[in-house]
C-alpha cells in the first residue's frame, strides 16, 4: 500500500483536534467550516451571476440534471 502525505491543511486540522476531541468541539468546527465554504460558494455564484455566466435558465437546467450520474 502506498503511503499518503498529508497536506498542510490536513496537518493543521490533526493538530487542532488533538487538543480537544469532544463531540461538541467537532460539531463547532464542522459548523465553522460549513459556514466558510457556504460563504465562498455564495461569493462565487454572485460573481458568475454578475459576469453573466450564471442566470435563471442555467439554474433551471442544473436543477433538472442528475449530477450524481455524471460522476461515474
Protein backbone atom coordinates (compact mmCIF):
# COMPACT_ATOMS: atom_id res chain seq x y z
CA UNK A 1 0.00 0.00 0.00
CA UNK A 2 1.31 3.44 -0.94
CA UNK A 3 1.85 5.96 1.87
CA UNK A 4 -0.18 9.15 1.70
CA UNK A 5 1.39 12.51 2.52
CA UNK A 6 -0.90 14.93 4.31
CA UNK A 7 -1.09 18.49 3.05
CA UNK A 8 -0.55 21.46 5.40
CA UNK A 9 -4.29 21.96 5.96
CA UNK A 10 -4.78 18.34 6.95
CA UNK A 11 -1.80 18.50 9.32
CA UNK A 12 -3.14 21.66 10.94
CA UNK A 13 -6.56 20.07 11.46
CA UNK A 14 -4.99 16.98 13.02
CA UNK A 15 -3.06 19.17 15.45
CA UNK A 16 -6.20 21.17 16.21
CA UNK A 17 -8.23 18.05 17.02
CA UNK A 18 -5.52 16.61 19.23
CA UNK A 19 -6.23 19.26 21.89
CA UNK A 20 -9.99 18.82 22.23
CA UNK A 21 -11.67 15.69 20.96
CA UNK A 22 -15.19 16.26 22.32
CA UNK A 23 -18.24 15.82 20.10
CA UNK A 24 -19.28 19.41 20.87
CA UNK A 25 -15.94 20.74 19.61
CA UNK A 26 -16.16 18.60 16.46
CA UNK A 27 -19.66 19.94 15.76
CA UNK A 28 -18.49 23.51 16.28
CA UNK A 29 -15.56 23.06 13.88
CA UNK A 30 -17.88 21.44 11.34
CA UNK A 31 -20.26 24.41 11.56
CA UNK A 32 -17.43 26.92 11.14
CA UNK A 33 -16.12 25.09 8.08
CA UNK A 34 -19.62 24.75 6.63
CA UNK A 35 -20.27 28.47 7.01
CA UNK A 36 -16.90 29.29 5.46
CA UNK A 37 -17.50 27.14 2.38
CA UNK A 38 -21.10 28.37 2.05
CA UNK A 39 -19.78 31.94 2.01
CA UNK A 40 -17.21 31.02 -0.64
CA UNK A 41 -19.92 29.38 -2.75
CA UNK A 42 -22.25 32.38 -2.41
CA UNK A 43 -19.48 34.78 -3.42
CA UNK A 44 -18.58 32.70 -6.48
CA UNK A 45 -22.22 32.36 -7.50
CA UNK A 46 -22.63 36.14 -7.20
CA UNK A 47 -19.51 36.66 -9.31
CA UNK A 48 -20.76 34.29 -12.01
CA UNK A 49 -24.20 35.94 -11.96
CA UNK A 50 -22.71 39.43 -12.26
CA UNK A 51 -20.47 38.26 -15.13
CA UNK A 52 -23.50 36.87 -16.99
CA UNK A 53 -22.20 33.31 -16.84
CA UNK A 54 -24.90 32.17 -14.44
CA UNK A 55 -28.57 33.07 -14.95
CA UNK A 56 -32.01 31.70 -14.15
CA UNK A 57 -32.09 29.49 -17.25
CA UNK A 58 -28.78 27.90 -16.22
CA UNK A 59 -30.03 27.34 -12.68
CA UNK A 60 -33.21 25.74 -14.02
CA UNK A 61 -31.14 23.40 -16.23
CA UNK A 62 -28.90 22.43 -13.31
CA UNK A 63 -31.94 21.74 -11.14
CA UNK A 64 -33.18 19.18 -13.70
CA UNK A 65 -29.78 17.50 -14.10
CA UNK A 66 -28.83 14.35 -12.18
CA UNK A 67 -25.36 15.48 -11.11
CA UNK A 68 -24.63 12.15 -9.37
CA UNK A 69 -24.98 10.28 -12.67
CA UNK A 70 -22.19 12.40 -14.13
CA UNK A 71 -19.67 11.24 -11.52
CA UNK A 72 -19.48 7.72 -12.99
